[in-house]
């Protein structure tokens, strides 16, 4: 019997619903409590076998590829994962079958290191343009 999503109103992996990837509740107690608080349930008690489907996470919270360094070609390559996984601190925040105030469609924040690299690259290109 396939597992089903514990979010109220979600039809993830039900007979008449979409087939989706499911994620177990995290082992970290603090993150577990964040998940419990985020999911709008009248009975917030969940078990070790409770799962939440991918429909309740932003696409940026889900990893579908892994970056690997190819020594032969001397470059990094994105390889698809056999099983998708969540980012470390991902918390479910999209609840389409619940009242709108329960879903948080917040813009995803850019990773600070990536932002720093992007800004440095832009400044470098601007400096090169000015020097030419």
N, C-alpha and C. Protein backbone atom coordinates (compact mmCIF):
# COMPACT_ATOMS: atom_id res chain seq x y z
N UNK A 1 0.84 -1.17 0.00
CA UNK A 1 0.00 0.00 0.00
C UNK A 1 0.89 1.24 0.00
N UNK A 2 0.71 2.14 -0.98
CA UNK A 2 1.55 3.33 -1.03
C UNK A 2 1.20 4.30 0.09
N UNK A 3 2.18 5.06 0.50
CA UNK A 3 1.97 6.07 1.54
C UNK A 3 1.21 7.24 0.95
N UNK A 4 0.56 7.98 1.83
CA UNK A 4 -0.22 9.13 1.40
C UNK A 4 0.19 10.35 2.22
N UNK A 5 -0.11 11.50 1.66
CA UNK A 5 0.23 12.77 2.30
C UNK A 5 -0.70 13.02 3.49
N UNK A 6 -0.15 13.54 4.61
CA UNK A 6 -0.93 13.79 5.82
C UNK A 6 -1.57 15.18 5.86
N UNK A 7 -1.30 16.01 4.86
CA UNK A 7 -1.87 17.36 4.84
C UNK A 7 -3.37 17.26 4.53
N UNK A 8 -4.22 17.91 5.33
CA UNK A 8 -5.66 17.84 5.09
C UNK A 8 -6.04 18.35 3.71
N UNK A 9 -6.90 17.62 3.04
CA UNK A 9 -7.38 18.01 1.72
C UNK A 9 -6.46 17.63 0.58
N UNK A 10 -5.29 17.12 0.86
CA UNK A 10 -4.34 16.75 -0.19
C UNK A 10 -4.66 15.35 -0.70
N UNK A 11 -4.64 15.17 -2.00
CA UNK A 11 -4.93 13.88 -2.61
C UNK A 11 -3.66 13.22 -3.16
N UNK A 12 -2.50 13.62 -2.66
CA UNK A 12 -1.23 13.05 -3.12
C UNK A 12 -1.16 11.56 -2.88
N UNK A 13 -1.01 10.79 -3.94
CA UNK A 13 -0.90 9.33 -3.95
C UNK A 13 -2.21 8.61 -3.59
N UNK A 14 -3.34 9.31 -3.63
CA UNK A 14 -4.63 8.64 -3.49
C UNK A 14 -5.00 8.08 -4.86
N UNK A 15 -6.00 7.21 -4.90
CA UNK A 15 -6.40 6.58 -6.16
C UNK A 15 -6.79 7.60 -7.22
N UNK A 16 -7.49 8.66 -6.83
CA UNK A 16 -7.93 9.65 -7.81
C UNK A 16 -7.07 10.92 -7.80
N UNK A 17 -5.93 10.87 -7.16
CA UNK A 17 -5.05 12.03 -7.07
C UNK A 17 -3.76 11.83 -7.83
N UNK A 18 -2.90 12.84 -7.83
CA UNK A 18 -1.62 12.73 -8.55
C UNK A 18 -0.63 11.82 -7.83
N UNK A 19 0.25 11.21 -8.61
CA UNK A 19 1.33 10.40 -8.03
C UNK A 19 2.49 11.36 -7.78
N UNK A 20 2.89 11.46 -6.52
CA UNK A 20 3.90 12.45 -6.13
C UNK A 20 4.95 11.82 -5.23
N UNK A 21 6.08 12.51 -5.10
CA UNK A 21 7.13 12.08 -4.17
C UNK A 21 6.72 12.48 -2.76
N UNK A 22 7.02 11.61 -1.81
CA UNK A 22 6.70 11.87 -0.41
C UNK A 22 7.98 12.00 0.41
N UNK A 23 7.91 12.84 1.44
CA UNK A 23 9.06 13.05 2.31
C UNK A 23 8.65 12.76 3.75
N UNK A 24 9.49 11.97 4.44
CA UNK A 24 9.23 11.68 5.85
C UNK A 24 9.51 12.91 6.70
N UNK A 25 8.89 12.95 7.85
CA UNK A 25 9.18 14.02 8.78
C UNK A 25 10.65 13.94 9.19
N UNK A 26 11.30 15.09 9.40
CA UNK A 26 12.73 15.08 9.72
C UNK A 26 13.01 14.47 11.09
N UNK A 27 14.22 13.98 11.25
CA UNK A 27 14.63 13.40 12.53
C UNK A 27 15.00 14.48 13.55
N UNK A 28 15.41 15.64 13.07
CA UNK A 28 15.75 16.76 13.94
C UNK A 28 14.47 17.25 14.65
N UNK A 29 14.49 17.29 15.97
CA UNK A 29 13.30 17.62 16.76
C UNK A 29 12.80 19.03 16.47
N UNK A 30 13.71 19.99 16.36
CA UNK A 30 13.30 21.38 16.09
C UNK A 30 12.64 21.51 14.73
N UNK A 31 13.20 20.87 13.73
CA UNK A 31 12.62 20.92 12.39
C UNK A 31 11.28 20.16 12.36
N UNK A 32 11.20 19.06 13.10
CA UNK A 32 9.95 18.29 13.22
C UNK A 32 8.84 19.21 13.73
N UNK A 33 9.15 19.99 14.78
CA UNK A 33 8.15 20.88 15.37
C UNK A 33 7.74 21.98 14.38
N UNK A 34 8.68 22.45 13.57
CA UNK A 34 8.35 23.46 12.55
C UNK A 34 7.39 22.87 11.52
N UNK A 35 7.64 21.62 11.12
CA UNK A 35 6.75 20.95 10.16
C UNK A 35 5.36 20.80 10.77
N UNK A 36 5.32 20.34 12.02
CA UNK A 36 4.04 20.15 12.70
C UNK A 36 3.26 21.46 12.79
N UNK A 37 3.94 22.54 13.12
CA UNK A 37 3.30 23.84 13.24
C UNK A 37 2.84 24.37 11.89
N UNK A 38 3.57 24.06 10.84
CA UNK A 38 3.25 24.58 9.51
C UNK A 38 2.03 23.89 8.90
N UNK A 39 1.84 22.61 9.19
CA UNK A 39 0.75 21.85 8.57
C UNK A 39 -0.55 22.15 9.31
N UNK A 40 -1.56 22.67 8.59
CA UNK A 40 -2.83 23.04 9.22
C UNK A 40 -3.71 21.82 9.49
N UNK A 41 -3.49 21.17 10.61
CA UNK A 41 -4.28 19.99 11.00
C UNK A 41 -5.00 20.27 12.31
N UNK A 42 -6.23 19.77 12.40
CA UNK A 42 -6.95 19.90 13.67
C UNK A 42 -6.34 18.98 14.72
N UNK A 43 -5.80 17.85 14.26
CA UNK A 43 -5.10 16.92 15.15
C UNK A 43 -3.63 16.93 14.72
N UNK A 44 -2.80 17.78 15.32
CA UNK A 44 -1.43 17.94 14.84
C UNK A 44 -0.49 16.78 15.16
N UNK A 45 -0.99 15.73 15.82
CA UNK A 45 -0.13 14.61 16.18
C UNK A 45 0.23 13.81 14.93
N UNK A 46 1.51 13.67 14.69
CA UNK A 46 2.00 12.87 13.56
C UNK A 46 2.91 11.78 14.11
N UNK A 47 3.13 10.76 13.30
CA UNK A 47 3.96 9.63 13.73
C UNK A 47 5.22 9.56 12.88
N UNK A 48 6.08 8.60 13.19
CA UNK A 48 7.31 8.41 12.41
C UNK A 48 7.01 8.02 10.97
N UNK A 49 5.85 7.43 10.72
CA UNK A 49 5.51 7.01 9.37
C UNK A 49 4.75 8.07 8.58
N UNK A 50 4.46 9.22 9.19
CA UNK A 50 3.75 10.29 8.50
C UNK A 50 4.64 10.90 7.42
N UNK A 51 4.00 11.27 6.30
CA UNK A 51 4.75 11.82 5.17
C UNK A 51 4.02 13.04 4.60
N UNK A 52 4.78 13.91 3.97
CA UNK A 52 4.25 15.10 3.30
C UNK A 52 4.72 15.05 1.85
N UNK A 53 3.82 15.35 0.92
CA UNK A 53 4.18 15.24 -0.50
C UNK A 53 4.85 16.51 -1.02
N UNK A 54 5.42 16.38 -2.20
CA UNK A 54 6.18 17.47 -2.82
C UNK A 54 5.33 18.68 -3.18
N UNK A 55 4.01 18.51 -3.24
CA UNK A 55 3.13 19.61 -3.60
C UNK A 55 3.12 20.73 -2.56
N UNK A 56 3.63 20.44 -1.36
CA UNK A 56 3.58 21.41 -0.27
C UNK A 56 4.92 22.12 -0.05
N UNK A 57 5.86 21.93 -0.96
CA UNK A 57 7.17 22.57 -0.86
C UNK A 57 7.41 23.42 -2.10
N UNK A 58 8.15 24.49 -1.94
CA UNK A 58 8.57 25.29 -3.09
C UNK A 58 9.56 24.47 -3.92
N UNK A 59 9.61 24.71 -5.20
CA UNK A 59 10.51 23.95 -6.07
C UNK A 59 11.97 24.14 -5.66
N UNK A 60 12.29 25.28 -5.07
CA UNK A 60 13.67 25.52 -4.63
C UNK A 60 14.03 24.70 -3.39
N UNK A 61 13.03 24.16 -2.70
CA UNK A 61 13.27 23.31 -1.52
C UNK A 61 13.60 21.88 -1.90
N UNK A 62 13.35 21.51 -3.16
CA UNK A 62 13.52 20.12 -3.60
C UNK A 62 14.74 20.00 -4.49
N UNK A 63 15.64 19.09 -4.14
CA UNK A 63 16.84 18.84 -4.94
C UNK A 63 16.57 17.69 -5.90
N UNK A 64 16.74 17.95 -7.19
CA UNK A 64 16.56 16.90 -8.20
C UNK A 64 17.88 16.51 -8.84
N UNK A 65 18.90 17.35 -8.66
CA UNK A 65 20.22 17.05 -9.23
C UNK A 65 21.28 17.26 -8.17
N UNK A 66 22.44 16.69 -8.43
CA UNK A 66 23.59 16.89 -7.55
C UNK A 66 24.76 17.33 -8.44
N UNK A 67 25.56 18.25 -7.94
CA UNK A 67 26.70 18.77 -8.70
C UNK A 67 27.92 17.90 -8.41
N UNK A 68 28.51 17.35 -9.46
CA UNK A 68 29.66 16.46 -9.33
C UNK A 68 30.80 17.02 -10.17
N UNK A 69 32.02 16.92 -9.65
CA UNK A 69 33.19 17.38 -10.39
C UNK A 69 33.73 16.22 -11.22
N UNK A 70 33.77 16.41 -12.54
CA UNK A 70 34.29 15.40 -13.46
C UNK A 70 35.77 15.70 -13.68
N UNK A 71 36.63 14.82 -13.17
CA UNK A 71 38.08 15.05 -13.25
C UNK A 71 38.60 14.92 -14.68
N UNK A 72 37.99 14.07 -15.49
CA UNK A 72 38.46 13.90 -16.87
C UNK A 72 38.23 15.17 -17.69
N UNK A 73 37.05 15.76 -17.54
CA UNK A 73 36.73 16.96 -18.30
C UNK A 73 37.11 18.24 -17.55
N UNK A 74 37.50 18.10 -16.27
CA UNK A 74 37.88 19.24 -15.45
C UNK A 74 36.74 20.26 -15.34
N UNK A 75 35.53 19.77 -15.11
CA UNK A 75 34.38 20.66 -14.96
C UNK A 75 33.34 20.03 -14.04
N UNK A 76 32.44 20.85 -13.55
CA UNK A 76 31.36 20.33 -12.72
C UNK A 76 30.18 19.98 -13.61
N UNK A 77 29.52 18.89 -13.26
CA UNK A 77 28.40 18.38 -14.05
C UNK A 77 27.21 18.17 -13.12
N UNK A 78 26.03 18.56 -13.57
CA UNK A 78 24.81 18.29 -12.80
C UNK A 78 24.29 16.91 -13.17
N UNK A 79 24.19 16.05 -12.18
CA UNK A 79 23.69 14.69 -12.39
C UNK A 79 22.32 14.57 -11.73
N UNK A 80 21.35 13.97 -12.43
CA UNK A 80 20.02 13.80 -11.81
C UNK A 80 20.07 12.76 -10.69
N UNK A 81 19.32 13.01 -9.65
CA UNK A 81 19.23 12.07 -8.53
C UNK A 81 18.19 10.99 -8.85
N UNK A 82 18.43 9.77 -8.37
CA UNK A 82 17.45 8.71 -8.53
C UNK A 82 16.19 9.02 -7.73
N UNK A 83 16.38 9.55 -6.53
CA UNK A 83 15.27 9.93 -5.66
C UNK A 83 15.46 11.39 -5.27
N UNK A 84 14.44 12.19 -5.47
CA UNK A 84 14.55 13.60 -5.09
C UNK A 84 14.65 13.70 -3.58
N UNK A 85 15.25 14.80 -3.11
CA UNK A 85 15.38 15.00 -1.67
C UNK A 85 15.16 16.48 -1.36
N UNK A 86 14.94 16.75 -0.09
CA UNK A 86 14.68 18.11 0.36
C UNK A 86 15.96 18.81 0.78
N UNK A 87 15.95 20.13 0.67
CA UNK A 87 17.02 20.92 1.24
C UNK A 87 17.02 20.70 2.75
N UNK A 88 18.12 21.02 3.40
CA UNK A 88 18.29 20.72 4.82
C UNK A 88 17.18 21.29 5.71
N UNK A 89 16.85 22.55 5.56
CA UNK A 89 15.89 23.20 6.46
C UNK A 89 14.56 23.50 5.80
N UNK A 90 14.16 22.70 4.82
CA UNK A 90 12.90 22.92 4.12
C UNK A 90 11.71 22.63 5.04
N UNK A 91 10.71 23.50 4.96
CA UNK A 91 9.49 23.35 5.74
C UNK A 91 8.31 23.46 4.78
N UNK A 92 7.31 22.58 4.88
CA UNK A 92 6.16 22.68 3.98
C UNK A 92 5.45 24.02 4.17
N UNK A 93 5.12 24.68 3.07
CA UNK A 93 4.51 26.01 3.17
C UNK A 93 3.44 26.27 2.14
N UNK A 94 3.13 25.31 1.28
CA UNK A 94 2.10 25.49 0.26
C UNK A 94 0.96 24.52 0.55
N UNK A 95 -0.22 25.07 0.78
CA UNK A 95 -1.38 24.24 1.10
C UNK A 95 -2.55 24.67 0.22
N UNK A 96 -2.61 24.18 -1.03
CA UNK A 96 -3.60 24.67 -1.99
C UNK A 96 -5.05 24.35 -1.63
N UNK A 97 -5.31 23.28 -0.91
CA UNK A 97 -6.68 22.91 -0.58
C UNK A 97 -7.12 23.44 0.78
N UNK A 98 -6.37 24.35 1.33
CA UNK A 98 -6.68 24.97 2.62
C UNK A 98 -6.91 26.46 2.38
N UNK A 99 -7.44 27.18 3.37
CA UNK A 99 -7.62 28.63 3.20
C UNK A 99 -6.32 29.32 2.82
N UNK A 100 -6.44 30.38 2.04
CA UNK A 100 -5.26 31.07 1.48
C UNK A 100 -4.31 31.58 2.55
N UNK A 101 -4.82 31.98 3.70
CA UNK A 101 -3.94 32.54 4.72
C UNK A 101 -3.00 31.50 5.33
N UNK A 102 -3.24 30.21 5.07
CA UNK A 102 -2.37 29.17 5.60
C UNK A 102 -1.18 28.88 4.70
N UNK A 103 -1.25 29.28 3.44
CA UNK A 103 -0.13 29.09 2.51
C UNK A 103 0.73 30.34 2.49
N UNK A 104 2.03 30.13 2.53
CA UNK A 104 2.96 31.24 2.51
C UNK A 104 3.71 31.22 1.19
N UNK A 105 3.31 32.06 0.26
CA UNK A 105 4.01 32.15 -1.02
C UNK A 105 5.05 33.25 -0.94
N UNK A 106 6.02 33.04 -0.09
CA UNK A 106 7.09 34.02 0.09
C UNK A 106 8.14 33.82 -0.99
N UNK A 107 8.74 34.91 -1.45
CA UNK A 107 9.83 34.73 -2.41
C UNK A 107 11.00 34.01 -1.75
N UNK A 108 11.60 33.11 -2.49
CA UNK A 108 12.72 32.34 -1.94
C UNK A 108 13.96 33.22 -1.89
N UNK A 109 14.68 33.12 -0.81
CA UNK A 109 15.87 33.94 -0.61
C UNK A 109 17.06 33.27 -1.29
N UNK A 110 17.85 34.08 -1.96
CA UNK A 110 19.05 33.59 -2.63
C UNK A 110 20.11 33.25 -1.59
N UNK A 111 20.84 32.18 -1.83
CA UNK A 111 21.91 31.78 -0.93
C UNK A 111 22.95 32.90 -0.86
N UNK A 112 23.41 33.29 0.33
CA UNK A 112 24.35 34.41 0.45
C UNK A 112 25.64 34.23 -0.35
N UNK A 113 26.18 33.01 -0.37
CA UNK A 113 27.41 32.80 -1.14
C UNK A 113 27.16 32.95 -2.64
N UNK A 114 26.03 32.43 -3.11
CA UNK A 114 25.70 32.56 -4.53
C UNK A 114 25.48 34.03 -4.89
N UNK A 115 24.81 34.77 -4.00
CA UNK A 115 24.58 36.19 -4.25
C UNK A 115 25.91 36.94 -4.31
N UNK A 116 26.81 36.64 -3.37
CA UNK A 116 28.12 37.29 -3.34
C UNK A 116 28.88 37.02 -4.64
N UNK A 117 28.86 35.76 -5.09
CA UNK A 117 29.56 35.40 -6.33
C UNK A 117 28.92 36.11 -7.53
N UNK A 118 27.59 36.17 -7.56
CA UNK A 118 26.89 36.82 -8.66
C UNK A 118 27.24 38.31 -8.71
N UNK A 119 27.24 38.97 -7.56
CA UNK A 119 27.57 40.39 -7.52
C UNK A 119 29.03 40.66 -7.88
N UNK A 120 29.94 39.80 -7.41
CA UNK A 120 31.35 39.95 -7.77
C UNK A 120 31.55 39.78 -9.27
N UNK A 121 30.85 38.82 -9.85
CA UNK A 121 30.95 38.58 -11.29
C UNK A 121 30.42 39.78 -12.06
N UNK A 122 29.29 40.34 -11.60
CA UNK A 122 28.73 41.52 -12.27
C UNK A 122 29.69 42.70 -12.19
N UNK A 123 30.31 42.90 -11.03
CA UNK A 123 31.27 43.99 -10.86
C UNK A 123 32.50 43.79 -11.73
N UNK A 124 32.95 42.55 -11.83
CA UNK A 124 34.10 42.23 -12.66
C UNK A 124 33.80 42.53 -14.12
N UNK A 125 32.62 42.10 -14.59
CA UNK A 125 32.23 42.37 -15.98
C UNK A 125 32.10 43.87 -16.23
N UNK A 126 31.54 44.60 -15.26
CA UNK A 126 31.40 46.05 -15.41
C UNK A 126 32.78 46.71 -15.48
N UNK A 127 33.72 46.26 -14.66
CA UNK A 127 35.07 46.82 -14.68
C UNK A 127 35.76 46.52 -16.01
N UNK A 128 35.56 45.31 -16.53
CA UNK A 128 36.15 44.95 -17.82
C UNK A 128 35.55 45.77 -18.95
N UNK A 129 34.26 46.03 -18.89
CA UNK A 129 33.59 46.84 -19.92
C UNK A 129 34.15 48.27 -19.91
N UNK A 130 34.37 48.81 -18.72
CA UNK A 130 34.88 50.17 -18.62
C UNK A 130 36.33 50.28 -19.08
N UNK A 131 37.11 49.22 -18.87
CA UNK A 131 38.53 49.27 -19.24
C UNK A 131 38.73 49.12 -20.75
N UNK A 132 37.75 48.62 -21.44
CA UNK A 132 37.90 48.40 -22.89
C UNK A 132 37.54 49.63 -23.66
